[in-house]
Amino acid sequence: MNSLIACIPSGITVEEVHDQLLAEGITVDLQGGRITVSCEGSLAWVSPDSEGELEREYEPDELSLIEGIIGAWQGYIIDYRMLRAAEAAVAAISARWPCVVDDEGGFIGRAQEYFERRHNNG
């Protein structure tokens, strides 16, 4: 399974994320604090990092980058098999809130920059 990380301002609940995905027309199901996202035959699972694991894993320069963009933040782990559903979730989240994406492949930055890179790289 692959993952994207979406960092958004702290204080936003998983229910608010669920409602935003729904408002953007995405098929979602919230169970046990985890959102299942369905998009064009692709599934993704969005879970808040309630243990603060992500903050412990980031290097100081990465933490500074995230905090410089959105201030106090919380991470959401988006697990997926096919990227389409994960990117639909990120697009919906970033339509409402400032969002930093970590693709776990070397990119960490604003969601808009992530999508621009994906578009330009094919």
N, C-alpha and C. Protein backbone atom coordinates (compact mmCIF):
# COMPACT_ATOMS: atom_id res chain seq x y z
N MET A 1 0.85 -1.18 0.00
CA MET A 1 0.00 0.00 0.00
C MET A 1 0.89 1.23 0.00
N ASN A 2 0.47 2.25 -0.73
CA ASN A 2 1.18 3.52 -0.81
C ASN A 2 0.49 4.56 0.06
N SER A 3 1.21 5.64 0.34
CA SER A 3 0.63 6.69 1.18
C SER A 3 1.02 8.07 0.70
N LEU A 4 0.09 9.00 0.91
CA LEU A 4 0.35 10.43 0.83
C LEU A 4 0.08 10.97 2.22
N ILE A 5 0.75 12.03 2.58
CA ILE A 5 0.48 12.71 3.84
C ILE A 5 -0.08 14.08 3.50
N ALA A 6 -1.19 14.43 4.12
CA ALA A 6 -1.76 15.77 3.98
C ALA A 6 -1.68 16.45 5.35
N CYS A 7 -0.98 17.55 5.41
CA CYS A 7 -0.88 18.34 6.64
C CYS A 7 -1.78 19.55 6.49
N ILE A 8 -2.67 19.72 7.46
CA ILE A 8 -3.63 20.83 7.43
C ILE A 8 -3.63 21.53 8.79
N PRO A 9 -4.22 22.72 8.87
CA PRO A 9 -4.22 23.43 10.14
C PRO A 9 -4.81 22.58 11.27
N SER A 10 -4.21 22.70 12.45
CA SER A 10 -4.70 21.93 13.60
C SER A 10 -6.10 22.39 13.99
N GLY A 11 -6.82 21.50 14.61
CA GLY A 11 -8.17 21.81 15.08
C GLY A 11 -9.27 21.38 14.12
N ILE A 12 -8.90 20.95 12.92
CA ILE A 12 -9.90 20.48 11.95
C ILE A 12 -10.17 19.02 12.24
N THR A 13 -11.42 18.69 12.46
CA THR A 13 -11.78 17.32 12.84
C THR A 13 -11.92 16.41 11.63
N VAL A 14 -11.85 15.12 11.89
CA VAL A 14 -12.05 14.14 10.83
C VAL A 14 -13.46 14.26 10.24
N GLU A 15 -14.41 14.67 11.07
CA GLU A 15 -15.77 14.89 10.59
C GLU A 15 -15.83 16.06 9.61
N GLU A 16 -15.07 17.12 9.89
CA GLU A 16 -15.02 18.26 8.98
C GLU A 16 -14.36 17.87 7.66
N VAL A 17 -13.31 17.05 7.73
CA VAL A 17 -12.66 16.57 6.51
C VAL A 17 -13.65 15.73 5.71
N HIS A 18 -14.36 14.84 6.40
CA HIS A 18 -15.39 14.01 5.75
C HIS A 18 -16.42 14.89 5.05
N ASP A 19 -16.92 15.89 5.75
CA ASP A 19 -17.95 16.77 5.18
C ASP A 19 -17.42 17.54 3.97
N GLN A 20 -16.14 17.95 4.01
CA GLN A 20 -15.54 18.66 2.88
C GLN A 20 -15.42 17.74 1.67
N LEU A 21 -15.00 16.51 1.87
CA LEU A 21 -14.91 15.55 0.77
C LEU A 21 -16.29 15.33 0.15
N LEU A 22 -17.28 15.19 1.01
CA LEU A 22 -18.66 15.00 0.55
C LEU A 22 -19.14 16.22 -0.24
N ALA A 23 -18.83 17.41 0.28
CA ALA A 23 -19.24 18.65 -0.39
C ALA A 23 -18.59 18.79 -1.77
N GLU A 24 -17.42 18.18 -1.97
CA GLU A 24 -16.74 18.23 -3.26
C GLU A 24 -17.21 17.11 -4.20
N GLY A 25 -18.23 16.36 -3.76
CA GLY A 25 -18.82 15.35 -4.62
C GLY A 25 -18.12 14.00 -4.59
N ILE A 26 -17.32 13.76 -3.58
CA ILE A 26 -16.60 12.49 -3.47
C ILE A 26 -17.42 11.52 -2.63
N THR A 27 -17.45 10.27 -3.04
CA THR A 27 -18.14 9.23 -2.28
C THR A 27 -17.27 8.85 -1.09
N VAL A 28 -17.81 9.02 0.11
CA VAL A 28 -17.05 8.77 1.33
C VAL A 28 -17.87 8.01 2.35
N ASP A 29 -17.17 7.36 3.26
CA ASP A 29 -17.79 6.65 4.38
C ASP A 29 -16.89 6.85 5.59
N LEU A 30 -17.46 7.32 6.68
CA LEU A 30 -16.69 7.55 7.91
C LEU A 30 -17.03 6.46 8.92
N GLN A 31 -16.02 5.69 9.30
CA GLN A 31 -16.22 4.64 10.30
C GLN A 31 -14.99 4.56 11.19
N GLY A 32 -15.21 4.59 12.48
CA GLY A 32 -14.12 4.44 13.43
C GLY A 32 -13.02 5.47 13.29
N GLY A 33 -13.37 6.70 12.91
CA GLY A 33 -12.38 7.75 12.79
C GLY A 33 -11.56 7.70 11.52
N ARG A 34 -11.94 6.83 10.59
CA ARG A 34 -11.23 6.71 9.30
C ARG A 34 -12.23 6.90 8.17
N ILE A 35 -11.81 7.65 7.16
CA ILE A 35 -12.68 7.93 6.01
C ILE A 35 -12.25 7.04 4.85
N THR A 36 -13.21 6.33 4.29
CA THR A 36 -12.97 5.58 3.06
C THR A 36 -13.43 6.46 1.91
N VAL A 37 -12.55 6.66 0.94
CA VAL A 37 -12.81 7.50 -0.22
C VAL A 37 -12.90 6.61 -1.45
N SER A 38 -13.95 6.80 -2.23
CA SER A 38 -14.10 6.04 -3.47
C SER A 38 -14.18 7.03 -4.63
N CYS A 39 -13.34 6.82 -5.63
CA CYS A 39 -13.29 7.74 -6.77
C CYS A 39 -12.94 6.97 -8.03
N GLU A 40 -13.87 6.90 -8.95
CA GLU A 40 -13.64 6.27 -10.25
C GLU A 40 -13.03 4.87 -10.12
N GLY A 41 -13.57 4.07 -9.23
CA GLY A 41 -13.10 2.70 -9.04
C GLY A 41 -11.85 2.57 -8.19
N SER A 42 -11.36 3.65 -7.66
CA SER A 42 -10.17 3.67 -6.82
C SER A 42 -10.56 3.96 -5.38
N LEU A 43 -9.88 3.32 -4.43
CA LEU A 43 -10.16 3.55 -3.01
C LEU A 43 -8.95 4.14 -2.31
N ALA A 44 -9.23 4.95 -1.30
CA ALA A 44 -8.20 5.47 -0.41
C ALA A 44 -8.79 5.54 0.99
N TRP A 45 -7.92 5.51 1.98
CA TRP A 45 -8.35 5.56 3.36
C TRP A 45 -7.63 6.71 4.04
N VAL A 46 -8.40 7.64 4.60
CA VAL A 46 -7.87 8.86 5.20
C VAL A 46 -8.01 8.74 6.72
N SER A 47 -6.87 8.80 7.40
CA SER A 47 -6.86 8.66 8.86
C SER A 47 -6.05 9.79 9.49
N PRO A 48 -6.61 10.38 10.55
CA PRO A 48 -5.83 11.41 11.24
C PRO A 48 -4.66 10.78 11.99
N ASP A 49 -3.56 11.49 12.06
CA ASP A 49 -2.39 11.04 12.82
C ASP A 49 -2.61 11.45 14.27
N SER A 50 -3.43 10.70 14.97
CA SER A 50 -3.82 11.07 16.34
C SER A 50 -2.70 10.84 17.35
N GLU A 51 -1.68 10.08 16.99
CA GLU A 51 -0.59 9.80 17.92
C GLU A 51 0.58 10.78 17.78
N GLY A 52 0.53 11.67 16.78
CA GLY A 52 1.62 12.61 16.57
C GLY A 52 2.87 11.97 15.98
N GLU A 53 2.71 10.80 15.40
CA GLU A 53 3.84 10.06 14.82
C GLU A 53 4.54 10.85 13.72
N LEU A 54 3.76 11.51 12.87
CA LEU A 54 4.35 12.24 11.75
C LEU A 54 5.27 13.35 12.22
N GLU A 55 4.85 14.08 13.23
CA GLU A 55 5.67 15.18 13.72
C GLU A 55 7.02 14.67 14.24
N ARG A 56 7.04 13.49 14.83
CA ARG A 56 8.28 12.90 15.32
C ARG A 56 9.17 12.42 14.17
N GLU A 57 8.57 12.05 13.04
CA GLU A 57 9.34 11.52 11.92
C GLU A 57 9.96 12.60 11.04
N TYR A 58 9.38 13.79 11.00
CA TYR A 58 9.89 14.84 10.14
C TYR A 58 11.19 15.43 10.68
N GLU A 59 12.06 15.80 9.76
CA GLU A 59 13.31 16.49 10.10
C GLU A 59 12.97 17.94 10.45
N PRO A 60 13.86 18.63 11.19
CA PRO A 60 13.59 20.03 11.57
C PRO A 60 13.29 20.94 10.37
N ASP A 61 14.01 20.77 9.25
CA ASP A 61 13.75 21.63 8.09
C ASP A 61 12.37 21.34 7.49
N GLU A 62 11.93 20.09 7.53
CA GLU A 62 10.60 19.75 7.03
C GLU A 62 9.52 20.33 7.93
N LEU A 63 9.73 20.25 9.24
CA LEU A 63 8.78 20.84 10.19
C LEU A 63 8.69 22.36 9.98
N SER A 64 9.82 23.00 9.76
CA SER A 64 9.83 24.45 9.51
C SER A 64 9.07 24.79 8.24
N LEU A 65 9.24 23.98 7.20
CA LEU A 65 8.53 24.19 5.94
C LEU A 65 7.02 24.11 6.16
N ILE A 66 6.58 23.04 6.81
CA ILE A 66 5.14 22.85 7.06
C ILE A 66 4.58 23.99 7.89
N GLU A 67 5.25 24.30 8.99
CA GLU A 67 4.77 25.35 9.89
C GLU A 67 4.81 26.72 9.22
N GLY A 68 5.76 26.92 8.33
CA GLY A 68 5.85 28.18 7.61
C GLY A 68 4.68 28.39 6.66
N ILE A 69 4.12 27.29 6.17
CA ILE A 69 2.99 27.38 5.25
C ILE A 69 1.66 27.44 5.98
N ILE A 70 1.49 26.58 6.99
CA ILE A 70 0.16 26.50 7.63
C ILE A 70 0.15 26.75 9.13
N GLY A 71 1.28 27.02 9.75
CA GLY A 71 1.31 27.23 11.19
C GLY A 71 1.14 25.92 11.93
N ALA A 72 0.42 25.97 13.05
CA ALA A 72 0.17 24.74 13.81
C ALA A 72 -0.62 23.78 12.92
N TRP A 73 -0.20 22.51 12.87
CA TRP A 73 -0.78 21.58 11.90
C TRP A 73 -1.03 20.22 12.51
N GLN A 74 -1.79 19.46 11.75
CA GLN A 74 -2.01 18.05 12.07
C GLN A 74 -1.93 17.28 10.76
N GLY A 75 -1.50 16.05 10.86
CA GLY A 75 -1.34 15.25 9.66
C GLY A 75 -2.45 14.25 9.46
N TYR A 76 -2.75 14.00 8.20
CA TYR A 76 -3.67 12.94 7.80
C TYR A 76 -2.92 11.99 6.88
N ILE A 77 -2.97 10.73 7.18
CA ILE A 77 -2.32 9.71 6.36
C ILE A 77 -3.37 9.18 5.38
N ILE A 78 -3.03 9.22 4.10
CA ILE A 78 -3.94 8.77 3.05
C ILE A 78 -3.32 7.55 2.39
N ASP A 79 -3.80 6.37 2.76
CA ASP A 79 -3.32 5.12 2.18
C ASP A 79 -4.12 4.82 0.93
N TYR A 80 -3.45 4.28 -0.09
CA TYR A 80 -4.14 4.00 -1.34
C TYR A 80 -3.45 2.88 -2.10
N ARG A 81 -4.21 2.28 -3.00
CA ARG A 81 -3.64 1.32 -3.96
C ARG A 81 -3.46 1.99 -5.32
N MET A 82 -4.45 2.82 -5.69
CA MET A 82 -4.37 3.60 -6.92
C MET A 82 -4.45 5.07 -6.53
N LEU A 83 -3.56 5.88 -7.10
CA LEU A 83 -3.38 7.26 -6.68
C LEU A 83 -4.61 8.14 -6.87
N ARG A 84 -5.48 7.80 -7.78
CA ARG A 84 -6.62 8.66 -8.13
C ARG A 84 -7.46 9.07 -6.92
N ALA A 85 -7.85 8.13 -6.08
CA ALA A 85 -8.69 8.46 -4.93
C ALA A 85 -7.93 9.31 -3.91
N ALA A 86 -6.66 9.01 -3.70
CA ALA A 86 -5.85 9.79 -2.76
C ALA A 86 -5.72 11.23 -3.23
N GLU A 87 -5.48 11.41 -4.52
CA GLU A 87 -5.36 12.77 -5.04
C GLU A 87 -6.69 13.52 -5.04
N ALA A 88 -7.78 12.80 -5.24
CA ALA A 88 -9.10 13.44 -5.14
C ALA A 88 -9.32 13.95 -3.71
N ALA A 89 -8.91 13.17 -2.72
CA ALA A 89 -9.06 13.59 -1.33
C ALA A 89 -8.20 14.83 -1.05
N VAL A 90 -6.96 14.82 -1.52
CA VAL A 90 -6.07 15.97 -1.31
C VAL A 90 -6.63 17.21 -2.00
N ALA A 91 -7.12 17.05 -3.22
CA ALA A 91 -7.67 18.20 -3.94
C ALA A 91 -8.86 18.79 -3.20
N ALA A 92 -9.73 17.93 -2.67
CA ALA A 92 -10.90 18.41 -1.94
C ALA A 92 -10.50 19.11 -0.64
N ILE A 93 -9.54 18.53 0.06
CA ILE A 93 -9.07 19.13 1.32
C ILE A 93 -8.43 20.50 1.03
N SER A 94 -7.58 20.55 0.01
CA SER A 94 -6.86 21.80 -0.27
C SER A 94 -7.76 22.87 -0.89
N ALA A 95 -8.95 22.48 -1.34
CA ALA A 95 -9.90 23.47 -1.84
C ALA A 95 -10.45 24.32 -0.71
N ARG A 96 -10.37 23.81 0.52
CA ARG A 96 -10.93 24.54 1.66
C ARG A 96 -9.88 25.06 2.63
N TRP A 97 -8.82 24.27 2.85
CA TRP A 97 -7.81 24.62 3.85
C TRP A 97 -6.42 24.64 3.23
N PRO A 98 -5.51 25.43 3.83
CA PRO A 98 -4.11 25.32 3.41
C PRO A 98 -3.66 23.88 3.63
N CYS A 99 -2.88 23.35 2.70
CA CYS A 99 -2.52 21.94 2.78
C CYS A 99 -1.11 21.73 2.25
N VAL A 100 -0.32 20.99 3.01
CA VAL A 100 1.01 20.58 2.59
C VAL A 100 0.93 19.09 2.29
N VAL A 101 1.51 18.68 1.17
CA VAL A 101 1.50 17.27 0.77
C VAL A 101 2.92 16.72 0.86
N ASP A 102 3.02 15.53 1.42
CA ASP A 102 4.26 14.76 1.44
C ASP A 102 3.95 13.48 0.67
N ASP A 103 4.61 13.31 -0.48
CA ASP A 103 4.31 12.13 -1.29
C ASP A 103 5.19 10.93 -0.93
N GLU A 104 6.00 11.08 0.13
CA GLU A 104 6.91 10.05 0.61
C GLU A 104 7.86 9.58 -0.48
N GLY A 105 8.01 10.40 -1.51
CA GLY A 105 8.92 10.08 -2.59
C GLY A 105 9.89 11.22 -2.84
N GLY A 106 10.01 12.12 -1.89
CA GLY A 106 10.94 13.22 -2.02
C GLY A 106 10.30 14.59 -2.11
N PHE A 107 8.99 14.66 -2.40
CA PHE A 107 8.32 15.95 -2.48
C PHE A 107 7.61 16.25 -1.17
N ILE A 108 7.80 17.47 -0.70
CA ILE A 108 6.99 17.99 0.41
C ILE A 108 6.80 19.48 0.15
N GLY A 109 5.54 19.90 0.05
CA GLY A 109 5.24 21.29 -0.24
C GLY A 109 3.74 21.51 -0.36
N ARG A 110 3.38 22.69 -0.79
CA ARG A 110 1.96 23.05 -0.94
C ARG A 110 1.26 22.08 -1.90
N ALA A 111 -0.02 21.83 -1.61
CA ALA A 111 -0.81 20.93 -2.47
C ALA A 111 -0.80 21.42 -3.90
N GLN A 112 -0.93 22.72 -4.12
CA GLN A 112 -0.93 23.28 -5.47
C GLN A 112 0.36 22.91 -6.20
N GLU A 113 1.50 23.01 -5.53
CA GLU A 113 2.78 22.65 -6.13
C GLU A 113 2.84 21.16 -6.45
N TYR A 114 2.29 20.35 -5.55
CA TYR A 114 2.25 18.90 -5.79
C TYR A 114 1.51 18.59 -7.09
N PHE A 115 0.32 19.19 -7.25
CA PHE A 115 -0.47 18.93 -8.46
C PHE A 115 0.19 19.50 -9.71
N GLU A 116 0.84 20.65 -9.60
CA GLU A 116 1.56 21.21 -10.74
C GLU A 116 2.68 20.27 -11.19
N ARG A 117 3.43 19.73 -10.23
CA ARG A 117 4.51 18.79 -10.55
C ARG A 117 3.96 17.52 -11.19
N ARG A 118 2.86 17.02 -10.64
CA ARG A 118 2.26 15.78 -11.20
C ARG A 118 1.79 16.04 -12.63
N HIS A 119 1.19 17.21 -12.86
CA HIS A 119 0.70 17.54 -14.20
C HIS A 119 1.86 17.69 -15.18
N ASN A 120 2.93 18.35 -14.74
CA ASN A 120 4.07 18.60 -15.61
C ASN A 120 4.91 17.35 -15.86
N ASN A 121 4.84 16.39 -14.93
CA ASN A 121 5.63 15.16 -15.08
C ASN A 121 4.82 14.02 -15.70
N GLY A 122 3.62 14.31 -16.10
CA GLY A 122 2.84 13.33 -16.82
C GLY A 122 1.85 12.60 -16.02
